[in-house]
């Protein structure tokens, strides 16, 4: 019963959970399938009392939702995710992969969001 309550609390931090797990990628799209599985595996493995883990699952939820909704981001993620490297001495490989996925998202957001100046006409 306690595990069920923890899972409900975890899902409450992930507003896109059901959208993500119910999303079906194209048949030959193995990377998308793996990303959804990594998402599911990671969010239910966190320590619910660790604020850093909670922030990370919130970010991951946003990232995977963006991955589903934004075709350009999906292509970019698929291109960069195969280049992720994890140190041999890493204690939690899944956590390192998730950090890399979030970093790819942050870089994408930084490079695609441009400042638009509105000129004033006198």
PDB file of N, CA and C in Angstrom:
ATOM      1  N   UNK A   1       0.820  -1.199   0.000  1.00  0.00           N
ATOM      2  CA  UNK A   1       0.000   0.000   0.000  1.00  0.00           C
ATOM      3  C   UNK A   1       0.861   1.259   0.000  1.00  0.00           C
ATOM      4  N   UNK A   2       1.982   1.210   0.713  1.00  0.00           N
ATOM      5  CA  UNK A   2       2.877   2.369   0.774  1.00  0.00           C
ATOM      6  C   UNK A   2       3.484   2.638  -0.600  1.00  0.00           C
ATOM      7  N   UNK A   3       3.858   1.584  -1.305  1.00  0.00           N
ATOM      8  CA  UNK A   3       4.435   1.749  -2.644  1.00  0.00           C
ATOM      9  C   UNK A   3       3.431   2.410  -3.580  1.00  0.00           C
ATOM     10  N   UNK A   4       2.180   2.023  -3.475  1.00  0.00           N
ATOM     11  CA  UNK A   4       1.133   2.610  -4.306  1.00  0.00           C
ATOM     12  C   UNK A   4       1.016   4.110  -4.058  1.00  0.00           C
ATOM     13  N   UNK A   5       1.067   4.522  -2.792  1.00  0.00           N
ATOM     14  CA  UNK A   5       0.998   5.944  -2.455  1.00  0.00           C
ATOM     15  C   UNK A   5       2.211   6.709  -2.975  1.00  0.00           C
ATOM     16  N   UNK A   6       3.384   6.095  -2.883  1.00  0.00           N
ATOM     17  CA  UNK A   6       4.605   6.728  -3.403  1.00  0.00           C
ATOM     18  C   UNK A   6       4.488   6.896  -4.913  1.00  0.00           C
ATOM     19  N   UNK A   7       3.992   5.867  -5.598  1.00  0.00           N
ATOM     20  CA  UNK A   7       3.828   5.951  -7.053  1.00  0.00           C
ATOM     21  C   UNK A   7       2.836   7.044  -7.431  1.00  0.00           C
ATOM     22  N   UNK A   8       1.757   7.177  -6.667  1.00  0.00           N
ATOM     23  CA  UNK A   8       0.786   8.240  -6.944  1.00  0.00           C
ATOM     24  C   UNK A   8       1.429   9.611  -6.750  1.00  0.00           C
ATOM     25  N   UNK A   9       2.261   9.724  -5.718  1.00  0.00           N
ATOM     26  CA  UNK A   9       2.942  10.998  -5.472  1.00  0.00           C
ATOM     27  C   UNK A   9       3.915  11.308  -6.606  1.00  0.00           C
ATOM     28  N   UNK A  10       4.635  10.299  -7.068  1.00  0.00           N
ATOM     29  CA  UNK A  10       5.568  10.487  -8.186  1.00  0.00           C
ATOM     30  C   UNK A  10       4.806  10.950  -9.423  1.00  0.00           C
ATOM     31  N   UNK A  11       3.693  10.309  -9.729  1.00  0.00           N
ATOM     32  CA  UNK A  11       2.896  10.670 -10.903  1.00  0.00           C
ATOM     33  C   UNK A  11       2.351  12.092 -10.762  1.00  0.00           C
ATOM     34  N   UNK A  12       2.097  12.529  -9.542  1.00  0.00           N
ATOM     35  CA  UNK A  12       1.603  13.894  -9.349  1.00  0.00           C
ATOM     36  C   UNK A  12       2.649  14.933  -9.760  1.00  0.00           C
ATOM     37  N   UNK A  13       3.926  14.562  -9.714  1.00  0.00           N
ATOM     38  CA  UNK A  13       4.992  15.462 -10.155  1.00  0.00           C
ATOM     39  C   UNK A  13       5.175  15.430 -11.672  1.00  0.00           C
ATOM     40  N   UNK A  14       4.553  14.469 -12.323  1.00  0.00           N
ATOM     41  CA  UNK A  14       4.713  14.279 -13.766  1.00  0.00           C
ATOM     42  C   UNK A  14       3.354  14.436 -14.456  1.00  0.00           C
ATOM     43  N   UNK A  15       2.976  15.668 -14.774  1.00  0.00           N
ATOM     44  CA  UNK A  15       1.641  15.885 -15.351  1.00  0.00           C
ATOM     45  C   UNK A  15       1.438  15.237 -16.721  1.00  0.00           C
ATOM     46  N   UNK A  16       2.509  14.907 -17.411  1.00  0.00           N
ATOM     47  CA  UNK A  16       2.391  14.314 -18.751  1.00  0.00           C
ATOM     48  C   UNK A  16       2.571  12.802 -18.741  1.00  0.00           C
ATOM     49  N   UNK A  17       2.559  12.186 -17.570  1.00  0.00           N
ATOM     50  CA  UNK A  17       2.857  10.758 -17.438  1.00  0.00           C
ATOM     51  C   UNK A  17       1.999   9.892 -18.354  1.00  0.00           C
ATOM     52  N   UNK A  18       0.688  10.046 -18.263  1.00  0.00           N
ATOM     53  CA  UNK A  18      -0.199   9.166 -19.043  1.00  0.00           C
ATOM     54  C   UNK A  18      -0.091   9.428 -20.543  1.00  0.00           C
ATOM     55  N   UNK A  19       0.107  10.674 -20.902  1.00  0.00           N
ATOM     56  CA  UNK A  19       0.303  11.009 -22.319  1.00  0.00           C
ATOM     57  C   UNK A  19       1.560  10.310 -22.847  1.00  0.00           C
ATOM     58  N   UNK A  20       2.610  10.328 -22.041  1.00  0.00           N
ATOM     59  CA  UNK A  20       3.892   9.751 -22.459  1.00  0.00           C
ATOM     60  C   UNK A  20       3.808   8.232 -22.550  1.00  0.00           C
ATOM     61  N   UNK A  21       3.280   7.582 -21.527  1.00  0.00           N
ATOM     62  CA  UNK A  21       3.274   6.114 -21.564  1.00  0.00           C
ATOM     63  C   UNK A  21       2.271   5.556 -22.568  1.00  0.00           C
ATOM     64  N   UNK A  22       1.273   6.345 -22.937  1.00  0.00           N
ATOM     65  CA  UNK A  22       0.287   5.887 -23.922  1.00  0.00           C
ATOM     66  C   UNK A  22       0.650   6.262 -25.357  1.00  0.00           C
ATOM     67  N   UNK A  23       1.737   7.020 -25.519  1.00  0.00           N
ATOM     68  CA  UNK A  23       2.178   7.435 -26.852  1.00  0.00           C
ATOM     69  C   UNK A  23       2.788   6.253 -27.583  1.00  0.00           C
ATOM     70  N   UNK A  24       2.411   6.089 -28.841  1.00  0.00           N
ATOM     71  CA  UNK A  24       2.994   5.014 -29.640  1.00  0.00           C
ATOM     72  C   UNK A  24       3.814   5.592 -30.774  1.00  0.00           C
ATOM     73  N   UNK A  25       5.126   5.366 -30.723  1.00  0.00           N
ATOM     74  CA  UNK A  25       5.978   5.842 -31.817  1.00  0.00           C
ATOM     75  C   UNK A  25       5.812   4.949 -33.054  1.00  0.00           C
ATOM     76  N   UNK A  26       6.422   5.370 -34.154  1.00  0.00           N
ATOM     77  CA  UNK A  26       6.394   4.549 -35.360  1.00  0.00           C
ATOM     78  C   UNK A  26       7.023   3.190 -35.071  1.00  0.00           C
ATOM     79  N   UNK A  27       6.636   2.191 -35.845  1.00  0.00           N
ATOM     80  CA  UNK A  27       7.114   0.826 -35.608  1.00  0.00           C
ATOM     81  C   UNK A  27       8.626   0.703 -35.622  1.00  0.00           C
ATOM     82  N   UNK A  28       9.280   1.353 -36.559  1.00  0.00           N
ATOM     83  CA  UNK A  28      10.730   1.209 -36.690  1.00  0.00           C
ATOM     84  C   UNK A  28      11.510   2.228 -35.851  1.00  0.00           C
ATOM     85  N   UNK A  29      10.825   2.964 -34.992  1.00  0.00           N
ATOM     86  CA  UNK A  29      11.460   3.981 -34.161  1.00  0.00           C
ATOM     87  C   UNK A  29      11.849   3.387 -32.803  1.00  0.00           C
ATOM     88  N   UNK A  30      13.007   2.764 -32.765  1.00  0.00           N
ATOM     89  CA  UNK A  30      13.476   2.095 -31.544  1.00  0.00           C
ATOM     90  C   UNK A  30      13.917   3.102 -30.478  1.00  0.00           C
ATOM     91  N   UNK A  31      14.444   4.244 -30.897  1.00  0.00           N
ATOM     92  CA  UNK A  31      14.955   5.236 -29.946  1.00  0.00           C
ATOM     93  C   UNK A  31      13.807   5.814 -29.115  1.00  0.00           C
ATOM     94  N   UNK A  32      12.708   6.156 -29.752  1.00  0.00           N
ATOM     95  CA  UNK A  32      11.562   6.705 -29.024  1.00  0.00           C
ATOM     96  C   UNK A  32      11.036   5.706 -28.001  1.00  0.00           C
ATOM     97  N   UNK A  33      10.965   4.456 -28.398  1.00  0.00           N
ATOM     98  CA  UNK A  33      10.511   3.409 -27.500  1.00  0.00           C
ATOM     99  C   UNK A  33      11.429   3.319 -26.275  1.00  0.00           C
ATOM    100  N   UNK A  34      12.730   3.390 -26.507  1.00  0.00           N
ATOM    101  CA  UNK A  34      13.711   3.328 -25.407  1.00  0.00           C
ATOM    102  C   UNK A  34      13.589   4.538 -24.489  1.00  0.00           C
ATOM    103  N   UNK A  35      13.358   5.726 -25.059  1.00  0.00           N
ATOM    104  CA  UNK A  35      13.236   6.939 -24.241  1.00  0.00           C
ATOM    105  C   UNK A  35      12.032   6.825 -23.308  1.00  0.00           C
ATOM    106  N   UNK A  36      10.916   6.336 -23.811  1.00  0.00           N
ATOM    107  CA  UNK A  36       9.722   6.169 -22.976  1.00  0.00           C
ATOM    108  C   UNK A  36       9.992   5.136 -21.876  1.00  0.00           C
ATOM    109  N   UNK A  37      10.681   4.055 -22.208  1.00  0.00           N
ATOM    110  CA  UNK A  37      11.003   3.040 -21.197  1.00  0.00           C
ATOM    111  C   UNK A  37      11.968   3.582 -20.148  1.00  0.00           C
ATOM    112  N   UNK A  38      12.961   4.361 -20.592  1.00  0.00           N
ATOM    113  CA  UNK A  38      13.887   4.990 -19.636  1.00  0.00           C
ATOM    114  C   UNK A  38      13.131   5.927 -18.701  1.00  0.00           C
ATOM    115  N   UNK A  39      12.216   6.688 -19.260  1.00  0.00           N
ATOM    116  CA  UNK A  39      11.380   7.607 -18.481  1.00  0.00           C
ATOM    117  C   UNK A  39      10.640   6.844 -17.384  1.00  0.00           C
ATOM    118  N   UNK A  40       9.931   5.789 -17.775  1.00  0.00           N
ATOM    119  CA  UNK A  40       9.161   5.003 -16.815  1.00  0.00           C
ATOM    120  C   UNK A  40      10.059   4.388 -15.753  1.00  0.00           C
ATOM    121  N   UNK A  41      11.155   3.818 -16.195  1.00  0.00           N
ATOM    122  CA  UNK A  41      12.065   3.142 -15.262  1.00  0.00           C
ATOM    123  C   UNK A  41      12.650   4.134 -14.266  1.00  0.00           C
ATOM    124  N   UNK A  42      13.030   5.305 -14.755  1.00  0.00           N
ATOM    125  CA  UNK A  42      13.696   6.276 -13.889  1.00  0.00           C
ATOM    126  C   UNK A  42      12.746   6.908 -12.875  1.00  0.00           C
ATOM    127  N   UNK A  43      11.568   7.333 -13.307  1.00  0.00           N
ATOM    128  CA  UNK A  43      10.712   8.071 -12.372  1.00  0.00           C
ATOM    129  C   UNK A  43      10.256   7.205 -11.197  1.00  0.00           C
ATOM    130  N   UNK A  44      10.113   5.903 -11.406  1.00  0.00           N
ATOM    131  CA  UNK A  44       9.681   5.047 -10.303  1.00  0.00           C
ATOM    132  C   UNK A  44      10.842   4.519  -9.467  1.00  0.00           C
ATOM    133  N   UNK A  45      12.040   4.946  -9.791  1.00  0.00           N
ATOM    134  CA  UNK A  45      13.224   4.488  -9.083  1.00  0.00           C
ATOM    135  C   UNK A  45      13.794   5.578  -8.178  1.00  0.00           C
ATOM    136  N   UNK A  46      13.268   6.789  -8.266  1.00  0.00           N
ATOM    137  CA  UNK A  46      13.842   7.901  -7.507  1.00  0.00           C
ATOM    138  C   UNK A  46      13.517   7.796  -6.020  1.00  0.00           C
ATOM    139  N   UNK A  47      14.263   8.568  -5.238  1.00  0.00           N
ATOM    140  CA  UNK A  47      13.984   8.719  -3.811  1.00  0.00           C
ATOM    141  C   UNK A  47      13.028   9.895  -3.675  1.00  0.00           C
ATOM    142  N   UNK A  48      11.818   9.634  -3.234  1.00  0.00           N
ATOM    143  CA  UNK A  48      10.768  10.656  -3.170  1.00  0.00           C
ATOM    144  C   UNK A  48      11.110  11.755  -2.152  1.00  0.00           C
ATOM    145  N   UNK A  49      12.037  11.488  -1.261  1.00  0.00           N
ATOM    146  CA  UNK A  49      12.437  12.469  -0.246  1.00  0.00           C
ATOM    147  C   UNK A  49      13.599  13.346  -0.695  1.00  0.00           C
ATOM    148  N   UNK A  50      14.145  13.082  -1.870  1.00  0.00           N
ATOM    149  CA  UNK A  50      15.271  13.851  -2.393  1.00  0.00           C
ATOM    150  C   UNK A  50      14.743  14.923  -3.357  1.00  0.00           C
ATOM    151  N   UNK A  51      14.873  16.184  -2.965  1.00  0.00           N
ATOM    152  CA  UNK A  51      14.354  17.286  -3.786  1.00  0.00           C
ATOM    153  C   UNK A  51      15.017  17.355  -5.158  1.00  0.00           C
ATOM    154  N   UNK A  52      16.285  16.986  -5.223  1.00  0.00           N
ATOM    155  CA  UNK A  52      17.003  16.996  -6.506  1.00  0.00           C
ATOM    156  C   UNK A  52      16.389  15.975  -7.464  1.00  0.00           C
ATOM    157  N   UNK A  53      16.065  14.802  -6.948  1.00  0.00           N
ATOM    158  CA  UNK A  53      15.423  13.767  -7.777  1.00  0.00           C
ATOM    159  C   UNK A  53      14.046  14.223  -8.252  1.00  0.00           C
ATOM    160  N   UNK A  54      13.307  14.880  -7.381  1.00  0.00           N
ATOM    161  CA  UNK A  54      11.969  15.362  -7.749  1.00  0.00           C
ATOM    162  C   UNK A  54      12.078  16.404  -8.864  1.00  0.00           C
ATOM    163  N   UNK A  55      13.032  17.322  -8.737  1.00  0.00           N
ATOM    164  CA  UNK A  55      13.233  18.328  -9.786  1.00  0.00           C
ATOM    165  C   UNK A  55      13.623  17.668 -11.101  1.00  0.00           C
ATOM    166  N   UNK A  56      14.461  16.635 -11.008  1.00  0.00           N
ATOM    167  CA  UNK A  56      14.910  15.947 -12.216  1.00  0.00           C
ATOM    168  C   UNK A  56      13.751  15.239 -12.911  1.00  0.00           C
ATOM    169  N   UNK A  57      12.827  14.622 -12.161  1.00  0.00           N
ATOM    170  CA  UNK A  57      11.707  13.955 -12.834  1.00  0.00           C
ATOM    171  C   UNK A  57      10.744  14.976 -13.430  1.00  0.00           C
ATOM    172  N   UNK A  58      10.621  16.133 -12.802  1.00  0.00           N
ATOM    173  CA  UNK A  58       9.794  17.196 -13.388  1.00  0.00           C
ATOM    174  C   UNK A  58      10.387  17.646 -14.717  1.00  0.00           C
ATOM    175  N   UNK A  59      11.704  17.823 -14.736  1.00  0.00           N
ATOM    176  CA  UNK A  59      12.382  18.219 -15.980  1.00  0.00           C
ATOM    177  C   UNK A  59      12.251  17.129 -17.031  1.00  0.00           C
ATOM    178  N   UNK A  60      12.471  15.890 -16.617  1.00  0.00           N
ATOM    179  CA  UNK A  60      12.386  14.771 -17.555  1.00  0.00           C
ATOM    180  C   UNK A  60      10.988  14.674 -18.150  1.00  0.00           C
ATOM    181  N   UNK A  61       9.977  14.905 -17.338  1.00  0.00           N
ATOM    182  CA  UNK A  61       8.595  14.887 -17.823  1.00  0.00           C
ATOM    183  C   UNK A  61       8.400  15.941 -18.912  1.00  0.00           C
ATOM    184  N   UNK A  62       8.938  17.128 -18.692  1.00  0.00           N
ATOM    185  CA  UNK A  62       8.852  18.203 -19.696  1.00  0.00           C
ATOM    186  C   UNK A  62       9.601  17.816 -20.967  1.00  0.00           C
ATOM    187  N   UNK A  63      10.790  17.252 -20.789  1.00  0.00           N
ATOM    188  CA  UNK A  63      11.630  16.909 -21.937  1.00  0.00           C
ATOM    189  C   UNK A  63      10.957  15.850 -22.806  1.00  0.00           C
ATOM    190  N   UNK A  64      10.461  14.798 -22.185  1.00  0.00           N
ATOM    191  CA  UNK A  64       9.834  13.723 -22.970  1.00  0.00           C
ATOM    192  C   UNK A  64       8.537  14.205 -23.608  1.00  0.00           C
ATOM    193  N   UNK A  65       7.810  15.088 -22.926  1.00  0.00           N
ATOM    194  CA  UNK A  65       6.613  15.672 -23.527  1.00  0.00           C
ATOM    195  C   UNK A  65       6.977  16.504 -24.756  1.00  0.00           C
ATOM    196  N   UNK A  66       8.028  17.287 -24.652  1.00  0.00           N
ATOM    197  CA  UNK A  66       8.510  18.085 -25.789  1.00  0.00           C
ATOM    198  C   UNK A  66       8.950  17.149 -26.918  1.00  0.00           C
ATOM    199  N   UNK A  67       9.576  16.049 -26.550  1.00  0.00           N
ATOM    200  CA  UNK A  67      10.030  15.054 -27.523  1.00  0.00           C
ATOM    201  C   UNK A  67       8.838  14.519 -28.328  1.00  0.00           C
ATOM    202  N   UNK A  68       7.732  14.279 -27.656  1.00  0.00           N
ATOM    203  CA  UNK A  68       6.541  13.761 -28.322  1.00  0.00           C
ATOM    204  C   UNK A  68       5.905  14.822 -29.216  1.00  0.00           C
ATOM    205  N   UNK A  69       5.827  16.048 -28.723  1.00  0.00           N
ATOM    206  CA  UNK A  69       5.103  17.111 -29.424  1.00  0.00           C
ATOM    207  C   UNK A  69       5.889  17.808 -30.538  1.00  0.00           C
ATOM    208  N   UNK A  70       7.197  17.887 -30.397  1.00  0.00           N
ATOM    209  CA  UNK A  70       8.016  18.701 -31.306  1.00  0.00           C
ATOM    210  C   UNK A  70       8.871  17.817 -32.208  1.00  0.00           C
ATOM    211  N   UNK A  71       8.494  17.751 -33.482  1.00  0.00           N
ATOM    212  CA  UNK A  71       9.202  16.888 -34.432  1.00  0.00           C
ATOM    213  C   UNK A  71      10.666  17.288 -34.581  1.00  0.00           C
ATOM    214  N   UNK A  72      10.953  18.597 -34.621  1.00  0.00           N
ATOM    215  CA  UNK A  72      12.337  19.066 -34.779  1.00  0.00           C
ATOM    216  C   UNK A  72      13.182  18.651 -33.581  1.00  0.00           C
ATOM    217  N   UNK A  73      12.618  18.777 -32.376  1.00  0.00           N
ATOM    218  CA  UNK A  73      13.359  18.367 -31.181  1.00  0.00           C
ATOM    219  C   UNK A  73      13.567  16.855 -31.176  1.00  0.00           C
ATOM    220  N   UNK A  74      12.572  16.110 -31.613  1.00  0.00           N
ATOM    221  CA  UNK A  74      12.702  14.645 -31.663  1.00  0.00           C
ATOM    222  C   UNK A  74      13.857  14.240 -32.565  1.00  0.00           C
ATOM    223  N   UNK A  75      13.946  14.864 -33.731  1.00  0.00           N
ATOM    224  CA  UNK A  75      15.043  14.542 -34.652  1.00  0.00           C
ATOM    225  C   UNK A  75      16.397  14.889 -34.030  1.00  0.00           C
ATOM    226  N   UNK A  76      16.467  16.046 -33.380  1.00  0.00           N
ATOM    227  CA  UNK A  76      17.712  16.471 -32.737  1.00  0.00           C
ATOM    228  C   UNK A  76      18.094  15.515 -31.606  1.00  0.00           C
ATOM    229  N   UNK A  77      17.118  15.132 -30.807  1.00  0.00           N
ATOM    230  CA  UNK A  77      17.373  14.205 -29.695  1.00  0.00           C
ATOM    231  C   UNK A  77      17.847  12.857 -30.225  1.00  0.00           C
ATOM    232  N   UNK A  78      17.216  12.365 -31.267  1.00  0.00           N
ATOM    233  CA  UNK A  78      17.608  11.074 -31.826  1.00  0.00           C
ATOM    234  C   UNK A  78      19.032  11.115 -32.368  1.00  0.00           C
ATOM    235  N   UNK A  79      19.408  12.273 -32.902  1.00  0.00           N
ATOM    236  CA  UNK A  79      20.758  12.427 -33.433  1.00  0.00           C
ATOM    237  C   UNK A  79      21.792  12.457 -32.303  1.00  0.00           C
ATOM    238  N   UNK A  80      21.458  13.135 -31.207  1.00  0.00           N
ATOM    239  CA  UNK A  80      22.428  13.324 -30.131  1.00  0.00           C
ATOM    240  C   UNK A  80      22.418  12.230 -29.071  1.00  0.00           C
ATOM    241  N   UNK A  81      21.310  11.529 -28.921  1.00  0.00           N
ATOM    242  CA  UNK A  81      21.221  10.535 -27.846  1.00  0.00           C
ATOM    243  C   UNK A  81      22.171   9.357 -28.072  1.00  0.00           C
ATOM    244  N   UNK A  82      22.463   9.062 -29.323  1.00  0.00           N
ATOM    245  CA  UNK A  82      23.373   7.949 -29.604  1.00  0.00           C
ATOM    246  C   UNK A  82      24.828   8.306 -29.291  1.00  0.00           C
ATOM    247  N   UNK A  83      25.095   9.583 -29.032  1.00  0.00           N
ATOM    248  CA  UNK A  83      26.465   9.999 -28.706  1.00  0.00           C
ATOM    249  C   UNK A  83      26.700  10.144 -27.204  1.00  0.00           C
ATOM    250  N   UNK A  84      25.689   9.825 -26.386  1.00  0.00           N
ATOM    251  CA  UNK A  84      25.841   9.943 -24.930  1.00  0.00           C
ATOM    252  C   UNK A  84      26.892   8.961 -24.439  1.00  0.00           C
ATOM    253  N   UNK A  85      27.786   9.493 -23.623  1.00  0.00           N
ATOM    254  CA  UNK A  85      28.829   8.664 -23.023  1.00  0.00           C
ATOM    255  C   UNK A  85      28.680   8.719 -21.509  1.00  0.00           C
ATOM    256  N   UNK A  86      28.809   7.569 -20.872  1.00  0.00           N
ATOM    257  CA  UNK A  86      28.722   7.475 -19.416  1.00  0.00           C
ATOM    258  C   UNK A  86      30.066   6.970 -18.904  1.00  0.00           C
ATOM    259  N   UNK A  87      30.557   7.620 -17.860  1.00  0.00           N
ATOM    260  CA  UNK A  87      31.847   7.224 -17.292  1.00  0.00           C
ATOM    261  C   UNK A  87      31.782   5.796 -16.745  1.00  0.00           C
ATOM    262  N   UNK A  88      32.899   5.089 -16.869  1.00  0.00           N
ATOM    263  CA  UNK A  88      32.934   3.699 -16.400  1.00  0.00           C
ATOM    264  C   UNK A  88      32.742   3.596 -14.896  1.00  0.00           C
ATOM    265  N   UNK A  89      33.136   4.628 -14.176  1.00  0.00           N
ATOM    266  CA  UNK A  89      33.032   4.580 -12.721  1.00  0.00           C
ATOM    267  C   UNK A  89      31.703   5.145 -12.206  1.00  0.00           C
ATOM    268  N   UNK A  90      30.747   5.387 -13.083  1.00  0.00           N
ATOM    269  CA  UNK A  90      29.441   5.922 -12.681  1.00  0.00           C
ATOM    270  C   UNK A  90      28.702   4.891 -11.826  1.00  0.00           C
ATOM    271  N   UNK A  91      28.158   5.349 -10.711  1.00  0.00           N
ATOM    272  CA  UNK A  91      27.447   4.428  -9.815  1.00  0.00           C
ATOM    273  C   UNK A  91      26.014   4.176 -10.283  1.00  0.00           C
ATOM    274  N   UNK A  92      25.387   5.185 -10.883  1.00  0.00           N
ATOM    275  CA  UNK A  92      24.010   5.048 -11.358  1.00  0.00           C
ATOM    276  C   UNK A  92      23.957   5.445 -12.836  1.00  0.00           C
ATOM    277  N   UNK A  93      24.071   4.443 -13.697  1.00  0.00           N
ATOM    278  CA  UNK A  93      24.134   4.688 -15.142  1.00  0.00           C
ATOM    279  C   UNK A  93      22.847   5.330 -15.649  1.00  0.00           C
ATOM    280  N   UNK A  94      21.700   4.861 -15.173  1.00  0.00           N
ATOM    281  CA  UNK A  94      20.416   5.407 -15.611  1.00  0.00           C
ATOM    282  C   UNK A  94      20.324   6.897 -15.290  1.00  0.00           C
ATOM    283  N   UNK A  95      20.754   7.275 -14.102  1.00  0.00           N
ATOM    284  CA  UNK A  95      20.719   8.677 -13.683  1.00  0.00           C
ATOM    285  C   UNK A  95      21.608   9.534 -14.580  1.00  0.00           C
ATOM    286  N   UNK A  96      22.764   9.016 -14.960  1.00  0.00           N
ATOM    287  CA  UNK A  96      23.682   9.742 -15.844  1.00  0.00           C
ATOM    288  C   UNK A  96      23.076   9.922 -17.239  1.00  0.00           C
ATOM    289  N   UNK A  97      22.396   8.902 -17.733  1.00  0.00           N
ATOM    290  CA  UNK A  97      21.743   8.996 -19.047  1.00  0.00           C
ATOM    291  C   UNK A  97      20.634  10.047 -18.999  1.00  0.00           C
ATOM    292  N   UNK A  98      19.857  10.053 -17.927  1.00  0.00           N
ATOM    293  CA  UNK A  98      18.771  11.027 -17.763  1.00  0.00           C
ATOM    294  C   UNK A  98      19.338  12.439 -17.712  1.00  0.00           C
ATOM    295  N   UNK A  99      20.429  12.630 -16.978  1.00  0.00           N
ATOM    296  CA  UNK A  99      21.079  13.946 -16.918  1.00  0.00           C
ATOM    297  C   UNK A  99      21.514  14.389 -18.312  1.00  0.00           C
ATOM    298  N   UNK A 100      22.031  13.468 -19.103  1.00  0.00           N
ATOM    299  CA  UNK A 100      22.462  13.787 -20.465  1.00  0.00           C
ATOM    300  C   UNK A 100      21.272  14.159 -21.346  1.00  0.00           C
ATOM    301  N   UNK A 101      20.169  13.464 -21.194  1.00  0.00           N
ATOM    302  CA  UNK A 101      18.963  13.771 -21.976  1.00  0.00           C
ATOM    303  C   UNK A 101      18.471  15.176 -21.640  1.00  0.00           C
ATOM    304  N   UNK A 102      18.469  15.517 -20.360  1.00  0.00           N
ATOM    305  CA  UNK A 102      18.039  16.855 -19.936  1.00  0.00           C
ATOM    306  C   UNK A 102      19.004  17.913 -20.462  1.00  0.00           C
ATOM    307  N   UNK A 103      20.288  17.587 -20.483  1.00  0.00           N
ATOM    308  CA  UNK A 103      21.289  18.525 -21.002  1.00  0.00           C
ATOM    309  C   UNK A 103      21.084  18.769 -22.503  1.00  0.00           C
ATOM    310  N   UNK A 104      20.771  17.722 -23.248  1.00  0.00           N
ATOM    311  CA  UNK A 104      20.485  17.865 -24.682  1.00  0.00           C
ATOM    312  C   UNK A 104      19.296  18.816 -24.866  1.00  0.00           C
ATOM    313  N   UNK A 105      18.270  18.645 -24.048  1.00  0.00           N
ATOM    314  CA  UNK A 105      17.092  19.516 -24.105  1.00  0.00           C
ATOM    315  C   UNK A 105      17.462  20.966 -23.806  1.00  0.00           C
ATOM    316  N   UNK A 106      18.245  21.173 -22.742  1.00  0.00           N
ATOM    317  CA  UNK A 106      18.646  22.527 -22.369  1.00  0.00           C
ATOM    318  C   UNK A 106      19.423  23.199 -23.502  1.00  0.00           C
ATOM    319  N   UNK A 107      20.331  22.457 -24.118  1.00  0.00           N
ATOM    320  CA  UNK A 107      21.098  22.998 -25.248  1.00  0.00           C
ATOM    321  C   UNK A 107      20.181  23.329 -26.424  1.00  0.00           C
ATOM    322  N   UNK A 108      19.235  22.458 -26.703  1.00  0.00           N
ATOM    323  CA  UNK A 108      18.280  22.688 -27.798  1.00  0.00           C
ATOM    324  C   UNK A 108      17.474  23.952 -27.539  1.00  0.00           C
ATOM    325  N   UNK A 109      16.966  24.097 -26.322  1.00  0.00           N
ATOM    326  CA  UNK A 109      16.177  25.277 -25.963  1.00  0.00           C
ATOM    327  C   UNK A 109      17.012  26.544 -26.099  1.00  0.00           C
ATOM    328  N   UNK A 110      18.256  26.469 -25.665  1.00  0.00           N
ATOM    329  CA  UNK A 110      19.130  27.645 -25.714  1.00  0.00           C
ATOM    330  C   UNK A 110      19.410  28.077 -27.147  1.00  0.00           C
ATOM    331  N   UNK A 111      19.610  27.115 -28.044  1.00  0.00           N
ATOM    332  CA  UNK A 111      19.958  27.459 -29.425  1.00  0.00           C
ATOM    333  C   UNK A 111      18.754  27.763 -30.303  1.00  0.00           C
ATOM    334  N   UNK A 112      17.583  27.243 -29.954  1.00  0.00           N
ATOM    335  CA  UNK A 112      16.420  27.506 -30.813  1.00  0.00           C
ATOM    336  C   UNK A 112      15.602  28.698 -30.349  1.00  0.00           C
ATOM    337  N   UNK A 113      15.751  29.073 -29.105  1.00  0.00           N
ATOM    338  CA  UNK A 113      15.039  30.244 -28.608  1.00  0.00           C
ATOM    339  C   UNK A 113      15.908  31.456 -28.870  1.00  0.00           C
ATOM    340  N   UNK A 114      15.430  32.318 -29.712  1.00  0.00           N
ATOM    341  CA  UNK A 114      16.228  33.496 -30.031  1.00  0.00           C
ATOM    342  C   UNK A 114      15.514  34.740 -29.529  1.00  0.00           C
ATOM    343  N   UNK A 115      16.301  35.721 -29.242  1.00  0.00           N
ATOM    344  CA  UNK A 115      15.755  36.974 -28.750  1.00  0.00           C
ATOM    345  C   UNK A 115      15.240  37.767 -29.941  1.00  0.00           C
ATOM    346  N   UNK A 116      14.006  38.207 -29.844  1.00  0.00           N
ATOM    347  CA  UNK A 116      13.402  38.986 -30.921  1.00  0.00           C
ATOM    348  C   UNK A 116      13.252  40.420 -30.427  1.00  0.00           C
ATOM    349  N   UNK A 117      13.845  41.314 -31.172  1.00  0.00           N
ATOM    350  CA  UNK A 117      13.750  42.725 -30.822  1.00  0.00           C
ATOM    351  C   UNK A 117      12.628  43.357 -31.626  1.00  0.00           C
ATOM    352  N   UNK A 118      11.815  44.116 -30.956  1.00  0.00           N
ATOM    353  CA  UNK A 118      10.721  44.825 -31.633  1.00  0.00           C
ATOM    354  C   UNK A 118      11.175  46.265 -31.800  1.00  0.00           C
ATOM    355  N   UNK A 119      11.287  46.672 -33.043  1.00  0.00           N
ATOM    356  CA  UNK A 119      11.734  48.033 -33.298  1.00  0.00           C
ATOM    357  C   UNK A 119      10.565  48.991 -33.120  1.00  0.00           C
ATOM    358  N   UNK A 120      10.894  50.176 -32.723  1.00  0.00           N
ATOM    359  CA  UNK A 120       9.866  51.215 -32.569  1.00  0.00           C
ATOM    360  C   UNK A 120       9.977  52.208 -33.696  1.00  0.00           C
ATOM    361  N   UNK A 121       8.869  52.498 -34.248  1.00  0.00           N
ATOM    362  CA  UNK A 121       8.845  53.480 -35.319  1.00  0.00           C
ATOM    363  C   UNK A 121       8.467  54.836 -34.718  1.00  0.00           C
ATOM    364  N   UNK A 122       9.184  55.813 -35.136  1.00  0.00           N
ATOM    365  CA  UNK A 122       8.915  57.155 -34.605  1.00  0.00           C
ATOM    366  C   UNK A 122       7.953  57.880 -35.506  1.00  0.00           C
TER     367      UNK A 122
END
